[in-house]
Amino acid sequence: MAQESAQTFNLVMITVAVLLQTIFLIGISLSVVRMRKSVEQFTGDVHKFLQIAGRSAEILNLNITQIRQTVQNRLQQADHMTDEFLSRSRAHALAIDRLIGNLLRTAEHANHELEQFTRSAFR
C-alpha cells in the first residue's frame, strides 16, 4: 500500500503541476489577447492619425501652391509696372533734356540777339 500511496501522491503532484501550468498558460494567453487588442487599437489609432496628417499635408500643399502662384503673379505684375515706370521715366527725362536744351539754345540765341542789338544801338 505504501507504493500505491506514493503513486497516488505522485499522481496528485503531477495533476497539481499540470493544473498550475494550465492556469499559467491561460494567464499568458489572456495577457497576449489583451496585448493584441492594445496593439490593434494602437495601430488603428496610428492609421487614423496618418490619414488625418495626410489630408492636412494635401491641404497644406494646395495652399502653398496657391500662395506660390499668387506671389508669382504679383511679382510679374510688379516687374511689368517697374518696366513701365522706367520706360515713362526715361521718356520724361528725355523730354526734360530736350526742353532744357531748347531753352538753352533759345537763351543763347536771345543773348546773341541782345548783344547784336546793344552793339548796333551804341555804334
N, C-alpha and C. Protein backbone atom coordinates (compact mmCIF):
# COMPACT_ATOMS: atom_id res chain seq x y z
N MET A 1 0.80 -1.18 0.00
CA MET A 1 0.00 0.00 0.00
C MET A 1 0.86 1.26 0.00
N ALA A 2 2.01 1.18 0.51
CA ALA A 2 2.90 2.32 0.53
C ALA A 2 3.25 2.73 -0.88
N GLN A 3 3.37 1.70 -1.71
CA GLN A 3 3.71 2.01 -3.08
C GLN A 3 2.53 2.67 -3.77
N GLU A 4 1.32 2.28 -3.49
CA GLU A 4 0.14 2.88 -4.07
C GLU A 4 -0.03 4.30 -3.56
N SER A 5 0.28 4.52 -2.28
CA SER A 5 0.20 5.87 -1.71
C SER A 5 1.20 6.78 -2.39
N ALA A 6 2.37 6.27 -2.63
CA ALA A 6 3.41 7.07 -3.28
C ALA A 6 2.98 7.37 -4.71
N GLN A 7 2.40 6.39 -5.38
CA GLN A 7 1.95 6.61 -6.75
C GLN A 7 0.80 7.61 -6.78
N THR A 8 -0.11 7.48 -5.82
CA THR A 8 -1.23 8.41 -5.72
C THR A 8 -0.71 9.81 -5.45
N PHE A 9 0.27 9.91 -4.52
CA PHE A 9 0.85 11.21 -4.19
C PHE A 9 1.52 11.81 -5.44
N ASN A 10 2.28 10.97 -6.17
CA ASN A 10 2.94 11.44 -7.39
C ASN A 10 1.91 11.86 -8.43
N LEU A 11 0.83 11.09 -8.54
CA LEU A 11 -0.23 11.43 -9.48
C LEU A 11 -0.89 12.76 -9.11
N VAL A 12 -1.14 12.96 -7.83
CA VAL A 12 -1.74 14.22 -7.35
C VAL A 12 -0.78 15.38 -7.62
N MET A 13 0.51 15.17 -7.37
CA MET A 13 1.51 16.21 -7.58
C MET A 13 1.60 16.55 -9.07
N ILE A 14 1.57 15.54 -9.92
CA ILE A 14 1.63 15.76 -11.36
C ILE A 14 0.36 16.49 -11.81
N THR A 15 -0.80 16.10 -11.25
CA THR A 15 -2.06 16.75 -11.59
C THR A 15 -2.02 18.22 -11.17
N VAL A 16 -1.51 18.48 -9.97
CA VAL A 16 -1.40 19.86 -9.48
C VAL A 16 -0.45 20.65 -10.38
N ALA A 17 0.67 20.04 -10.76
CA ALA A 17 1.64 20.71 -11.63
C ALA A 17 1.03 21.02 -12.98
N VAL A 18 0.30 20.04 -13.55
CA VAL A 18 -0.35 20.26 -14.84
C VAL A 18 -1.42 21.34 -14.71
N LEU A 19 -2.17 21.30 -13.60
CA LEU A 19 -3.19 22.31 -13.36
C LEU A 19 -2.56 23.69 -13.24
N LEU A 20 -1.46 23.83 -12.52
CA LEU A 20 -0.76 25.11 -12.38
C LEU A 20 -0.23 25.59 -13.75
N GLN A 21 0.32 24.65 -14.51
CA GLN A 21 0.81 25.01 -15.84
C GLN A 21 -0.35 25.48 -16.73
N THR A 22 -1.48 24.81 -16.62
CA THR A 22 -2.65 25.20 -17.41
C THR A 22 -3.10 26.60 -17.03
N ILE A 23 -3.17 26.86 -15.72
CA ILE A 23 -3.57 28.18 -15.23
C ILE A 23 -2.57 29.23 -15.74
N PHE A 24 -1.30 28.90 -15.63
CA PHE A 24 -0.25 29.81 -16.08
C PHE A 24 -0.38 30.08 -17.58
N LEU A 25 -0.61 29.05 -18.39
CA LEU A 25 -0.78 29.20 -19.83
C LEU A 25 -2.03 29.99 -20.17
N ILE A 26 -3.12 29.79 -19.42
CA ILE A 26 -4.34 30.57 -19.63
C ILE A 26 -4.07 32.04 -19.33
N GLY A 27 -3.32 32.31 -18.25
CA GLY A 27 -2.95 33.69 -17.90
C GLY A 27 -2.12 34.33 -18.99
N ILE A 28 -1.15 33.57 -19.51
CA ILE A 28 -0.33 34.09 -20.61
C ILE A 28 -1.19 34.35 -21.84
N SER A 29 -2.10 33.44 -22.15
CA SER A 29 -2.99 33.61 -23.31
C SER A 29 -3.86 34.85 -23.16
N LEU A 30 -4.42 35.05 -21.96
CA LEU A 30 -5.23 36.25 -21.72
C LEU A 30 -4.39 37.52 -21.85
N SER A 31 -3.17 37.49 -21.35
CA SER A 31 -2.28 38.66 -21.47
C SER A 31 -1.97 38.94 -22.94
N VAL A 32 -1.72 37.86 -23.70
CA VAL A 32 -1.42 38.04 -25.13
C VAL A 32 -2.64 38.62 -25.85
N VAL A 33 -3.84 38.13 -25.51
CA VAL A 33 -5.06 38.64 -26.14
C VAL A 33 -5.24 40.12 -25.80
N ARG A 34 -5.02 40.48 -24.53
CA ARG A 34 -5.14 41.90 -24.14
C ARG A 34 -4.11 42.74 -24.86
N MET A 35 -2.87 42.25 -24.92
CA MET A 35 -1.82 42.99 -25.61
C MET A 35 -2.16 43.13 -27.09
N ARG A 36 -2.69 42.08 -27.67
CA ARG A 36 -3.04 42.12 -29.08
C ARG A 36 -4.11 43.18 -29.33
N LYS A 37 -5.11 43.22 -28.45
CA LYS A 37 -6.15 44.24 -28.59
C LYS A 37 -5.55 45.63 -28.46
N SER A 38 -4.65 45.81 -27.51
CA SER A 38 -4.00 47.12 -27.33
C SER A 38 -3.17 47.48 -28.55
N VAL A 39 -2.43 46.50 -29.07
CA VAL A 39 -1.61 46.76 -30.26
C VAL A 39 -2.50 47.07 -31.45
N GLU A 40 -3.59 46.33 -31.61
CA GLU A 40 -4.51 46.59 -32.71
C GLU A 40 -5.13 47.98 -32.58
N GLN A 41 -5.50 48.35 -31.36
CA GLN A 41 -6.07 49.68 -31.14
C GLN A 41 -5.01 50.74 -31.43
N PHE A 42 -3.79 50.49 -30.99
CA PHE A 42 -2.70 51.45 -31.23
C PHE A 42 -2.45 51.60 -32.73
N THR A 43 -2.38 50.49 -33.45
CA THR A 43 -2.14 50.58 -34.89
C THR A 43 -3.33 51.24 -35.60
N GLY A 44 -4.53 51.00 -35.12
CA GLY A 44 -5.71 51.68 -35.68
C GLY A 44 -5.63 53.18 -35.45
N ASP A 45 -5.24 53.57 -34.23
CA ASP A 45 -5.10 55.00 -33.93
C ASP A 45 -4.00 55.63 -34.78
N VAL A 46 -2.89 54.92 -34.93
CA VAL A 46 -1.79 55.44 -35.75
C VAL A 46 -2.26 55.58 -37.20
N HIS A 47 -3.02 54.60 -37.68
CA HIS A 47 -3.53 54.66 -39.05
C HIS A 47 -4.45 55.87 -39.23
N LYS A 48 -5.35 56.11 -38.27
CA LYS A 48 -6.25 57.27 -38.34
C LYS A 48 -5.44 58.56 -38.32
N PHE A 49 -4.44 58.62 -37.43
CA PHE A 49 -3.60 59.81 -37.34
C PHE A 49 -2.89 60.07 -38.66
N LEU A 50 -2.36 59.02 -39.26
CA LEU A 50 -1.66 59.19 -40.54
C LEU A 50 -2.60 59.62 -41.65
N GLN A 51 -3.83 59.14 -41.63
CA GLN A 51 -4.81 59.58 -42.62
C GLN A 51 -5.09 61.07 -42.46
N ILE A 52 -5.31 61.48 -41.21
CA ILE A 52 -5.58 62.90 -40.94
C ILE A 52 -4.37 63.75 -41.32
N ALA A 53 -3.19 63.28 -40.95
CA ALA A 53 -1.97 64.02 -41.29
C ALA A 53 -1.79 64.09 -42.80
N GLY A 54 -2.12 63.02 -43.50
CA GLY A 54 -2.02 63.02 -44.97
C GLY A 54 -2.96 64.03 -45.59
N ARG A 55 -4.20 64.07 -45.09
CA ARG A 55 -5.17 65.05 -45.62
C ARG A 55 -4.70 66.48 -45.33
N SER A 56 -4.18 66.67 -44.11
CA SER A 56 -3.68 68.01 -43.75
C SER A 56 -2.50 68.39 -44.64
N ALA A 57 -1.63 67.45 -44.92
CA ALA A 57 -0.48 67.73 -45.80
C ALA A 57 -0.95 68.07 -47.21
N GLU A 58 -1.98 67.38 -47.70
CA GLU A 58 -2.51 67.69 -49.03
C GLU A 58 -3.09 69.09 -49.06
N ILE A 59 -3.85 69.45 -48.02
CA ILE A 59 -4.44 70.79 -47.95
C ILE A 59 -3.33 71.84 -47.87
N LEU A 60 -2.32 71.56 -47.04
CA LEU A 60 -1.20 72.49 -46.91
C LEU A 60 -0.47 72.64 -48.23
N ASN A 61 -0.26 71.54 -48.92
CA ASN A 61 0.41 71.58 -50.22
C ASN A 61 -0.40 72.41 -51.21
N LEU A 62 -1.71 72.24 -51.21
CA LEU A 62 -2.58 73.02 -52.09
C LEU A 62 -2.48 74.51 -51.75
N ASN A 63 -2.54 74.82 -50.45
CA ASN A 63 -2.45 76.23 -50.03
C ASN A 63 -1.11 76.83 -50.41
N ILE A 64 -0.04 76.07 -50.23
CA ILE A 64 1.29 76.59 -50.59
C ILE A 64 1.38 76.81 -52.09
N THR A 65 0.79 75.90 -52.87
CA THR A 65 0.79 76.06 -54.32
C THR A 65 0.04 77.32 -54.72
N GLN A 66 -1.11 77.56 -54.09
CA GLN A 66 -1.89 78.76 -54.39
C GLN A 66 -1.12 80.03 -54.00
N ILE A 67 -0.48 80.00 -52.84
CA ILE A 67 0.29 81.16 -52.39
C ILE A 67 1.46 81.41 -53.34
N ARG A 68 2.14 80.33 -53.74
CA ARG A 68 3.26 80.46 -54.67
C ARG A 68 2.80 81.08 -55.98
N GLN A 69 1.65 80.64 -56.48
CA GLN A 69 1.12 81.17 -57.74
C GLN A 69 0.75 82.64 -57.58
N THR A 70 0.13 82.98 -56.45
CA THR A 70 -0.24 84.38 -56.20
C THR A 70 1.00 85.26 -56.13
N VAL A 71 2.02 84.79 -55.41
CA VAL A 71 3.26 85.56 -55.29
C VAL A 71 3.91 85.71 -56.66
N GLN A 72 3.92 84.65 -57.44
CA GLN A 72 4.49 84.72 -58.79
C GLN A 72 3.75 85.74 -59.65
N ASN A 73 2.42 85.71 -59.59
CA ASN A 73 1.63 86.68 -60.36
C ASN A 73 1.92 88.11 -59.92
N ARG A 74 2.01 88.31 -58.60
CA ARG A 74 2.28 89.66 -58.09
C ARG A 74 3.68 90.12 -58.49
N LEU A 75 4.64 89.20 -58.48
CA LEU A 75 5.99 89.57 -58.90
C LEU A 75 6.02 89.95 -60.38
N GLN A 76 5.27 89.22 -61.19
CA GLN A 76 5.20 89.56 -62.62
C GLN A 76 4.55 90.92 -62.81
N GLN A 77 3.48 91.19 -62.05
CA GLN A 77 2.82 92.49 -62.14
C GLN A 77 3.78 93.60 -61.72
N ALA A 78 4.51 93.37 -60.62
CA ALA A 78 5.47 94.36 -60.15
C ALA A 78 6.57 94.57 -61.19
N ASP A 79 7.01 93.50 -61.84
CA ASP A 79 8.04 93.61 -62.87
C ASP A 79 7.53 94.44 -64.04
N HIS A 80 6.30 94.16 -64.48
CA HIS A 80 5.73 94.94 -65.59
C HIS A 80 5.55 96.40 -65.19
N MET A 81 5.08 96.63 -63.97
CA MET A 81 4.89 98.01 -63.52
C MET A 81 6.23 98.74 -63.43
N THR A 82 7.26 98.05 -62.97
CA THR A 82 8.58 98.66 -62.88
C THR A 82 9.12 98.99 -64.26
N ASP A 83 8.95 98.04 -65.20
CA ASP A 83 9.39 98.30 -66.57
C ASP A 83 8.65 99.50 -67.16
N GLU A 84 7.36 99.56 -66.93
CA GLU A 84 6.56 100.68 -67.44
C GLU A 84 6.99 101.99 -66.79
N PHE A 85 7.22 101.96 -65.48
CA PHE A 85 7.66 103.16 -64.76
C PHE A 85 9.01 103.64 -65.29
N LEU A 86 9.95 102.70 -65.49
CA LEU A 86 11.26 103.08 -66.01
C LEU A 86 11.15 103.63 -67.42
N SER A 87 10.30 103.02 -68.22
CA SER A 87 10.10 103.49 -69.60
C SER A 87 9.55 104.91 -69.59
N ARG A 88 8.55 105.15 -68.78
CA ARG A 88 7.97 106.51 -68.69
C ARG A 88 8.98 107.50 -68.13
N SER A 89 9.75 107.04 -67.12
CA SER A 89 10.76 107.93 -66.53
C SER A 89 11.81 108.31 -67.57
N ARG A 90 12.25 107.34 -68.39
CA ARG A 90 13.21 107.64 -69.46
C ARG A 90 12.61 108.65 -70.45
N ALA A 91 11.35 108.41 -70.82
CA ALA A 91 10.68 109.31 -71.76
C ALA A 91 10.59 110.73 -71.18
N HIS A 92 10.25 110.82 -69.90
CA HIS A 92 10.15 112.14 -69.26
C HIS A 92 11.53 112.79 -69.16
N ALA A 93 12.53 111.98 -68.83
CA ALA A 93 13.89 112.53 -68.72
C ALA A 93 14.36 113.05 -70.08
N LEU A 94 14.09 112.29 -71.14
CA LEU A 94 14.46 112.75 -72.48
C LEU A 94 13.71 114.02 -72.86
N ALA A 95 12.43 114.07 -72.50
CA ALA A 95 11.63 115.27 -72.81
C ALA A 95 12.17 116.48 -72.05
N ILE A 96 12.51 116.28 -70.79
CA ILE A 96 13.06 117.39 -69.99
C ILE A 96 14.41 117.80 -70.55
N ASP A 97 15.21 116.84 -70.96
CA ASP A 97 16.53 117.14 -71.54
C ASP A 97 16.36 117.95 -72.82
N ARG A 98 15.43 117.56 -73.67
CA ARG A 98 15.17 118.33 -74.90
C ARG A 98 14.67 119.73 -74.57
N LEU A 99 13.77 119.81 -73.57
CA LEU A 99 13.23 121.11 -73.18
C LEU A 99 14.34 122.03 -72.66
N ILE A 100 15.21 121.47 -71.82
CA ILE A 100 16.31 122.29 -71.29
C ILE A 100 17.27 122.67 -72.41
N GLY A 101 17.55 121.72 -73.32
CA GLY A 101 18.41 122.03 -74.47
C GLY A 101 17.82 123.13 -75.32
N ASN A 102 16.52 123.03 -75.60
CA ASN A 102 15.85 124.09 -76.38
C ASN A 102 15.88 125.41 -75.63
N LEU A 103 15.67 125.38 -74.33
CA LEU A 103 15.69 126.59 -73.52
C LEU A 103 17.07 127.24 -73.56
N LEU A 104 18.12 126.41 -73.46
CA LEU A 104 19.49 126.95 -73.51
C LEU A 104 19.79 127.54 -74.88
N ARG A 105 19.36 126.85 -75.94
CA ARG A 105 19.58 127.39 -77.29
C ARG A 105 18.82 128.70 -77.48
N THR A 106 17.59 128.73 -76.96
CA THR A 106 16.80 129.97 -77.05
C THR A 106 17.46 131.08 -76.26
N ALA A 107 17.96 130.75 -75.07
CA ALA A 107 18.63 131.76 -74.24
C ALA A 107 19.91 132.25 -74.94
N GLU A 108 20.67 131.33 -75.54
CA GLU A 108 21.88 131.74 -76.25
C GLU A 108 21.53 132.62 -77.46
N HIS A 109 20.49 132.20 -78.15
CA HIS A 109 20.05 132.99 -79.30
C HIS A 109 19.59 134.38 -78.83
N ALA A 110 18.81 134.40 -77.75
CA ALA A 110 18.33 135.70 -77.22
C ALA A 110 19.52 136.54 -76.77
N ASN A 111 20.51 135.92 -76.14
CA ASN A 111 21.69 136.63 -75.68
C ASN A 111 22.45 137.19 -76.88
N HIS A 112 22.59 136.36 -77.91
CA HIS A 112 23.28 136.80 -79.11
C HIS A 112 22.53 137.98 -79.77
N GLU A 113 21.20 137.86 -79.88
CA GLU A 113 20.40 138.94 -80.46
C GLU A 113 20.49 140.21 -79.62
N LEU A 114 20.48 140.03 -78.29
CA LEU A 114 20.58 141.19 -77.41
C LEU A 114 21.94 141.86 -77.58
N GLU A 115 22.97 141.06 -77.72
CA GLU A 115 24.31 141.60 -77.95
C GLU A 115 24.35 142.37 -79.26
N GLN A 116 23.78 141.79 -80.27
CA GLN A 116 23.74 142.43 -81.58
C GLN A 116 22.98 143.76 -81.50
N PHE A 117 21.86 143.72 -80.78
CA PHE A 117 21.03 144.91 -80.66
C PHE A 117 21.77 146.01 -79.90
N THR A 118 22.40 145.61 -78.78
CA THR A 118 23.10 146.64 -77.98
C THR A 118 24.33 147.17 -78.72
N ARG A 119 25.01 146.36 -79.48
CA ARG A 119 26.17 146.82 -80.24
C ARG A 119 25.73 147.81 -81.33
N SER A 120 24.66 147.43 -81.99
CA SER A 120 24.20 148.31 -83.06
C SER A 120 23.60 149.61 -82.49
N ALA A 121 23.04 149.55 -81.29
CA ALA A 121 22.43 150.72 -80.70
C ALA A 121 23.49 151.72 -80.25
N PHE A 122 24.64 151.24 -79.79
CA PHE A 122 25.68 152.13 -79.28
C PHE A 122 26.74 152.44 -80.32
N ARG A 123 26.55 152.15 -81.53
CA ARG A 123 27.51 152.48 -82.57
C ARG A 123 27.18 153.74 -83.21
